Amino acid sequence: MSSPVRTHGALSRGVFAVAVLISLAVLFAPGSDVPSAPPGVDKLVHGSVFAVLAVTGRWAGIRRAVLAALLVLYGGVSELIQGVPALDRDPAVGDWLADVVGVLLGLLLWAGLQRRARER
């Protein structure tokens, strides 16, 4: 039986592509489409989105350093784009920091899954 953390070719790349598409919808939805939420929930959403991107990116076989750099850059650029008046969103350094924390947590989760799979 194969390990679930093994890179699965087309399946893992497809899951990563879906995660990227979802992140685009979440990060670049116009302000009028963003539901209101209690304070801090947006940070949880940012962190979760980037943790999922990190885990699925590693599953798809993207090298850790490359993936981390690209996701941190993506988070920063997404915040700059959110400042475009047409989106009616507010860019925030705190959101970018939540993105970075999500990337780190996702990479740690992947490393733990790999370690656990090797022990079996």
N, C-alpha and C. Protein backbone atom coordinates (compact mmCIF):
# COMPACT_ATOMS: atom_id res chain seq x y z
N MET A 1 0.84 -1.17 0.00
CA MET A 1 0.00 0.00 0.00
C MET A 1 0.89 1.24 0.00
N SER A 2 0.53 2.24 -0.80
CA SER A 2 1.37 3.44 -0.88
C SER A 2 1.00 4.44 0.21
N SER A 3 1.95 5.26 0.54
CA SER A 3 1.77 6.27 1.57
C SER A 3 0.94 7.43 1.02
N PRO A 4 0.02 7.99 1.83
CA PRO A 4 -0.79 9.11 1.35
C PRO A 4 0.02 10.39 1.17
N VAL A 5 1.22 10.47 1.75
CA VAL A 5 2.04 11.67 1.57
C VAL A 5 3.00 11.56 0.41
N ARG A 6 2.96 10.44 -0.29
CA ARG A 6 3.78 10.29 -1.49
C ARG A 6 3.24 11.24 -2.56
N THR A 7 4.13 11.81 -3.35
CA THR A 7 3.69 12.68 -4.43
C THR A 7 2.88 11.85 -5.42
N HIS A 8 1.67 12.30 -5.70
CA HIS A 8 0.74 11.50 -6.49
C HIS A 8 0.52 12.02 -7.90
N GLY A 9 1.51 12.65 -8.49
CA GLY A 9 1.41 13.05 -9.89
C GLY A 9 0.23 13.95 -10.17
N ALA A 10 -0.58 13.55 -11.13
CA ALA A 10 -1.68 14.38 -11.61
C ALA A 10 -2.68 14.71 -10.50
N LEU A 11 -2.99 13.76 -9.64
CA LEU A 11 -3.94 14.01 -8.56
C LEU A 11 -3.44 15.13 -7.65
N SER A 12 -2.20 15.03 -7.20
CA SER A 12 -1.69 16.04 -6.27
C SER A 12 -1.56 17.40 -6.95
N ARG A 13 -1.16 17.42 -8.20
CA ARG A 13 -1.08 18.69 -8.92
C ARG A 13 -2.47 19.29 -9.13
N GLY A 14 -3.46 18.45 -9.37
CA GLY A 14 -4.83 18.93 -9.52
C GLY A 14 -5.37 19.51 -8.23
N VAL A 15 -5.09 18.85 -7.12
CA VAL A 15 -5.54 19.36 -5.82
C VAL A 15 -4.86 20.70 -5.54
N PHE A 16 -3.58 20.81 -5.84
CA PHE A 16 -2.88 22.09 -5.65
C PHE A 16 -3.49 23.16 -6.54
N ALA A 17 -3.80 22.83 -7.79
CA ALA A 17 -4.42 23.81 -8.70
C ALA A 17 -5.76 24.30 -8.16
N VAL A 18 -6.55 23.39 -7.61
CA VAL A 18 -7.83 23.79 -7.03
C VAL A 18 -7.60 24.70 -5.82
N ALA A 19 -6.61 24.38 -5.00
CA ALA A 19 -6.29 25.23 -3.85
C ALA A 19 -5.88 26.63 -4.31
N VAL A 20 -5.11 26.71 -5.38
CA VAL A 20 -4.72 28.02 -5.92
C VAL A 20 -5.95 28.78 -6.41
N LEU A 21 -6.84 28.11 -7.12
CA LEU A 21 -8.06 28.78 -7.61
C LEU A 21 -8.92 29.29 -6.45
N ILE A 22 -9.05 28.48 -5.41
CA ILE A 22 -9.82 28.92 -4.25
C ILE A 22 -9.15 30.13 -3.60
N SER A 23 -7.82 30.10 -3.51
CA SER A 23 -7.12 31.24 -2.91
C SER A 23 -7.34 32.51 -3.73
N LEU A 24 -7.36 32.39 -5.05
CA LEU A 24 -7.62 33.55 -5.90
C LEU A 24 -9.00 34.12 -5.62
N ALA A 25 -9.99 33.25 -5.47
CA ALA A 25 -11.35 33.71 -5.19
C ALA A 25 -11.44 34.38 -3.82
N VAL A 26 -10.77 33.81 -2.82
CA VAL A 26 -10.82 34.36 -1.47
C VAL A 26 -10.06 35.68 -1.39
N LEU A 27 -8.87 35.72 -1.96
CA LEU A 27 -8.01 36.90 -1.80
C LEU A 27 -8.41 38.07 -2.68
N PHE A 28 -9.06 37.80 -3.80
CA PHE A 28 -9.34 38.88 -4.74
C PHE A 28 -10.82 39.14 -4.96
N ALA A 29 -11.68 38.61 -4.10
CA ALA A 29 -13.10 38.93 -4.18
C ALA A 29 -13.29 40.41 -3.84
N PRO A 30 -14.19 41.07 -4.53
CA PRO A 30 -14.45 42.47 -4.19
C PRO A 30 -14.95 42.59 -2.74
N GLY A 31 -14.66 43.72 -2.14
CA GLY A 31 -15.05 43.95 -0.75
C GLY A 31 -16.53 43.71 -0.50
N SER A 32 -17.37 44.02 -1.49
CA SER A 32 -18.81 43.83 -1.32
C SER A 32 -19.20 42.35 -1.24
N ASP A 33 -18.33 41.45 -1.71
CA ASP A 33 -18.60 40.01 -1.68
C ASP A 33 -18.03 39.33 -0.44
N VAL A 34 -17.27 40.07 0.35
CA VAL A 34 -16.64 39.49 1.54
C VAL A 34 -17.63 39.60 2.70
N PRO A 35 -18.02 38.45 3.28
CA PRO A 35 -18.98 38.51 4.40
C PRO A 35 -18.36 39.15 5.63
N SER A 36 -19.20 39.78 6.42
CA SER A 36 -18.71 40.36 7.67
C SER A 36 -18.44 39.22 8.65
N ALA A 37 -17.45 39.45 9.49
CA ALA A 37 -17.07 38.42 10.46
C ALA A 37 -16.49 39.11 11.69
N PRO A 38 -16.48 38.40 12.80
CA PRO A 38 -15.87 38.97 14.01
C PRO A 38 -14.39 39.29 13.78
N PRO A 39 -13.85 40.23 14.55
CA PRO A 39 -12.44 40.58 14.40
C PRO A 39 -11.54 39.35 14.55
N GLY A 40 -10.53 39.28 13.70
CA GLY A 40 -9.56 38.19 13.76
C GLY A 40 -9.87 37.03 12.85
N VAL A 41 -11.11 36.90 12.42
CA VAL A 41 -11.47 35.77 11.56
C VAL A 41 -10.73 35.86 10.23
N ASP A 42 -10.54 37.09 9.74
CA ASP A 42 -9.82 37.23 8.47
C ASP A 42 -8.40 36.71 8.57
N LYS A 43 -7.78 36.84 9.74
CA LYS A 43 -6.42 36.32 9.92
C LYS A 43 -6.43 34.79 9.89
N LEU A 44 -7.45 34.19 10.48
CA LEU A 44 -7.59 32.73 10.44
C LEU A 44 -7.80 32.25 9.01
N VAL A 45 -8.59 32.99 8.25
CA VAL A 45 -8.83 32.62 6.85
C VAL A 45 -7.53 32.71 6.06
N HIS A 46 -6.80 33.81 6.23
CA HIS A 46 -5.53 33.97 5.53
C HIS A 46 -4.57 32.83 5.89
N GLY A 47 -4.41 32.58 7.17
CA GLY A 47 -3.50 31.52 7.60
C GLY A 47 -3.91 30.16 7.06
N SER A 48 -5.20 29.88 7.10
CA SER A 48 -5.70 28.59 6.62
C SER A 48 -5.48 28.42 5.12
N VAL A 49 -5.78 29.46 4.37
CA VAL A 49 -5.60 29.39 2.91
C VAL A 49 -4.14 29.10 2.58
N PHE A 50 -3.23 29.78 3.25
CA PHE A 50 -1.82 29.59 2.92
C PHE A 50 -1.27 28.28 3.48
N ALA A 51 -1.82 27.79 4.57
CA ALA A 51 -1.42 26.47 5.07
C ALA A 51 -1.84 25.40 4.07
N VAL A 52 -3.05 25.52 3.53
CA VAL A 52 -3.52 24.56 2.53
C VAL A 52 -2.66 24.64 1.27
N LEU A 53 -2.31 25.85 0.85
CA LEU A 53 -1.44 26.00 -0.32
C LEU A 53 -0.08 25.34 -0.07
N ALA A 54 0.45 25.50 1.13
CA ALA A 54 1.76 24.90 1.44
C ALA A 54 1.68 23.38 1.45
N VAL A 55 0.67 22.82 2.08
CA VAL A 55 0.54 21.36 2.15
C VAL A 55 0.30 20.77 0.76
N THR A 56 -0.62 21.36 0.02
CA THR A 56 -0.92 20.80 -1.30
C THR A 56 0.24 21.03 -2.28
N GLY A 57 0.94 22.13 -2.12
CA GLY A 57 2.11 22.38 -2.96
C GLY A 57 3.22 21.37 -2.72
N ARG A 58 3.46 21.05 -1.45
CA ARG A 58 4.46 20.02 -1.13
C ARG A 58 4.00 18.66 -1.64
N TRP A 59 2.72 18.35 -1.49
CA TRP A 59 2.19 17.08 -1.98
C TRP A 59 2.38 16.98 -3.49
N ALA A 60 2.25 18.12 -4.17
CA ALA A 60 2.42 18.14 -5.62
C ALA A 60 3.88 18.03 -6.03
N GLY A 61 4.79 18.09 -5.05
CA GLY A 61 6.20 17.89 -5.35
C GLY A 61 7.02 19.16 -5.48
N ILE A 62 6.45 20.31 -5.14
CA ILE A 62 7.21 21.56 -5.23
C ILE A 62 8.19 21.60 -4.06
N ARG A 63 9.44 21.91 -4.35
CA ARG A 63 10.46 21.95 -3.31
C ARG A 63 10.11 22.98 -2.24
N ARG A 64 10.45 22.63 -1.01
CA ARG A 64 10.08 23.44 0.15
C ARG A 64 10.51 24.90 0.02
N ALA A 65 11.78 25.14 -0.27
CA ALA A 65 12.28 26.51 -0.32
C ALA A 65 11.61 27.32 -1.44
N VAL A 66 11.44 26.70 -2.59
CA VAL A 66 10.80 27.37 -3.72
C VAL A 66 9.35 27.70 -3.37
N LEU A 67 8.64 26.72 -2.84
CA LEU A 67 7.24 26.92 -2.48
C LEU A 67 7.09 28.01 -1.42
N ALA A 68 7.92 27.95 -0.39
CA ALA A 68 7.84 28.95 0.69
C ALA A 68 8.08 30.35 0.13
N ALA A 69 9.10 30.51 -0.69
CA ALA A 69 9.39 31.83 -1.25
C ALA A 69 8.24 32.33 -2.12
N LEU A 70 7.72 31.46 -2.98
CA LEU A 70 6.63 31.87 -3.86
C LEU A 70 5.36 32.21 -3.09
N LEU A 71 5.05 31.43 -2.06
CA LEU A 71 3.84 31.71 -1.29
C LEU A 71 3.96 32.99 -0.47
N VAL A 72 5.11 33.25 0.10
CA VAL A 72 5.31 34.50 0.84
C VAL A 72 5.19 35.69 -0.12
N LEU A 73 5.77 35.56 -1.30
CA LEU A 73 5.65 36.61 -2.31
C LEU A 73 4.19 36.78 -2.75
N TYR A 74 3.51 35.68 -2.98
CA TYR A 74 2.09 35.70 -3.38
C TYR A 74 1.26 36.41 -2.32
N GLY A 75 1.51 36.12 -1.06
CA GLY A 75 0.78 36.79 0.02
C GLY A 75 1.01 38.29 0.01
N GLY A 76 2.26 38.70 -0.17
CA GLY A 76 2.57 40.13 -0.20
C GLY A 76 1.94 40.84 -1.39
N VAL A 77 2.05 40.22 -2.56
CA VAL A 77 1.46 40.81 -3.76
C VAL A 77 -0.06 40.86 -3.64
N SER A 78 -0.66 39.83 -3.06
CA SER A 78 -2.12 39.84 -2.91
C SER A 78 -2.57 41.00 -2.03
N GLU A 79 -1.79 41.32 -1.01
CA GLU A 79 -2.15 42.46 -0.16
C GLU A 79 -2.03 43.77 -0.93
N LEU A 80 -1.01 43.90 -1.76
CA LEU A 80 -0.88 45.11 -2.57
C LEU A 80 -2.05 45.25 -3.54
N ILE A 81 -2.43 44.15 -4.16
CA ILE A 81 -3.54 44.18 -5.12
C ILE A 81 -4.86 44.48 -4.41
N GLN A 82 -5.01 44.03 -3.17
CA GLN A 82 -6.24 44.34 -2.44
C GLN A 82 -6.39 45.84 -2.20
N GLY A 83 -5.30 46.58 -2.32
CA GLY A 83 -5.36 48.03 -2.17
C GLY A 83 -5.88 48.76 -3.40
N VAL A 84 -6.09 48.04 -4.50
CA VAL A 84 -6.63 48.66 -5.71
C VAL A 84 -8.07 49.10 -5.43
N PRO A 85 -8.39 50.36 -5.73
CA PRO A 85 -9.74 50.87 -5.41
C PRO A 85 -10.89 50.03 -5.98
N ALA A 86 -10.71 49.42 -7.15
CA ALA A 86 -11.78 48.63 -7.76
C ALA A 86 -12.19 47.45 -6.88
N LEU A 87 -11.27 46.91 -6.08
CA LEU A 87 -11.60 45.77 -5.22
C LEU A 87 -12.28 46.22 -3.93
N ASP A 88 -12.09 47.48 -3.55
CA ASP A 88 -12.69 48.01 -2.33
C ASP A 88 -12.34 47.16 -1.11
N ARG A 89 -11.06 46.80 -1.02
CA ARG A 89 -10.55 46.01 0.11
C ARG A 89 -9.42 46.79 0.76
N ASP A 90 -9.10 46.44 1.97
CA ASP A 90 -8.02 47.11 2.68
C ASP A 90 -6.81 46.20 2.80
N PRO A 91 -5.67 46.60 2.22
CA PRO A 91 -4.46 45.80 2.40
C PRO A 91 -3.99 45.92 3.85
N ALA A 92 -3.41 44.85 4.38
CA ALA A 92 -2.97 44.88 5.77
C ALA A 92 -1.72 44.03 5.94
N VAL A 93 -0.75 44.59 6.62
CA VAL A 93 0.48 43.85 6.93
C VAL A 93 0.14 42.64 7.80
N GLY A 94 -0.84 42.80 8.68
CA GLY A 94 -1.25 41.69 9.55
C GLY A 94 -1.76 40.50 8.76
N ASP A 95 -2.46 40.78 7.66
CA ASP A 95 -2.94 39.68 6.82
C ASP A 95 -1.76 38.96 6.16
N TRP A 96 -0.77 39.73 5.71
CA TRP A 96 0.41 39.12 5.11
C TRP A 96 1.17 38.29 6.14
N LEU A 97 1.26 38.79 7.36
CA LEU A 97 1.91 38.00 8.42
C LEU A 97 1.14 36.71 8.69
N ALA A 98 -0.19 36.78 8.65
CA ALA A 98 -1.00 35.57 8.82
C ALA A 98 -0.73 34.59 7.67
N ASP A 99 -0.52 35.12 6.46
CA ASP A 99 -0.16 34.28 5.31
C ASP A 99 1.16 33.55 5.57
N VAL A 100 2.14 34.29 6.06
CA VAL A 100 3.46 33.72 6.33
C VAL A 100 3.37 32.64 7.41
N VAL A 101 2.60 32.92 8.46
CA VAL A 101 2.42 31.92 9.52
C VAL A 101 1.73 30.68 8.95
N GLY A 102 0.75 30.88 8.08
CA GLY A 102 0.07 29.75 7.44
C GLY A 102 1.02 28.92 6.61
N VAL A 103 1.91 29.58 5.88
CA VAL A 103 2.91 28.85 5.08
C VAL A 103 3.79 28.01 6.00
N LEU A 104 4.28 28.62 7.06
CA LEU A 104 5.15 27.89 8.00
C LEU A 104 4.42 26.71 8.64
N LEU A 105 3.18 26.92 9.06
CA LEU A 105 2.41 25.82 9.66
C LEU A 105 2.15 24.71 8.66
N GLY A 106 1.84 25.08 7.42
CA GLY A 106 1.60 24.08 6.38
C GLY A 106 2.84 23.27 6.09
N LEU A 107 3.99 23.93 6.04
CA LEU A 107 5.24 23.21 5.79
C LEU A 107 5.59 22.30 6.96
N LEU A 108 5.35 22.75 8.17
CA LEU A 108 5.58 21.92 9.35
C LEU A 108 4.64 20.71 9.37
N LEU A 109 3.39 20.94 9.01
CA LEU A 109 2.42 19.84 8.95
C LEU A 109 2.87 18.80 7.92
N TRP A 110 3.29 19.27 6.75
CA TRP A 110 3.76 18.33 5.72
C TRP A 110 4.97 17.53 6.20
N ALA A 111 5.90 18.22 6.84
CA ALA A 111 7.10 17.53 7.34
C ALA A 111 6.71 16.47 8.37
N GLY A 112 5.75 16.79 9.23
CA GLY A 112 5.28 15.81 10.21
C GLY A 112 4.62 14.62 9.56
N LEU A 113 3.82 14.87 8.53
CA LEU A 113 3.17 13.77 7.81
C LEU A 113 4.20 12.88 7.13
N GLN A 114 5.21 13.49 6.56
CA GLN A 114 6.25 12.70 5.90
C GLN A 114 7.02 11.86 6.93
N ARG A 115 7.35 12.47 8.05
CA ARG A 115 8.09 11.75 9.10
C ARG A 115 7.27 10.56 9.60
N ARG A 116 6.00 10.80 9.81
CA ARG A 116 5.11 9.74 10.29
C ARG A 116 5.00 8.62 9.27
N ALA A 117 4.92 8.97 7.99
CA ALA A 117 4.84 7.95 6.94
C ALA A 117 6.11 7.12 6.86
N ARG A 118 7.27 7.75 7.06
CA ARG A 118 8.54 7.01 7.02
C ARG A 118 8.67 6.04 8.19
N GLU A 119 8.09 6.40 9.32
CA GLU A 119 8.16 5.55 10.51
C GLU A 119 7.32 4.29 10.36
N ARG A 120 6.37 4.32 9.47
CA ARG A 120 5.49 3.16 9.27
C ARG A 120 6.12 2.12 8.44
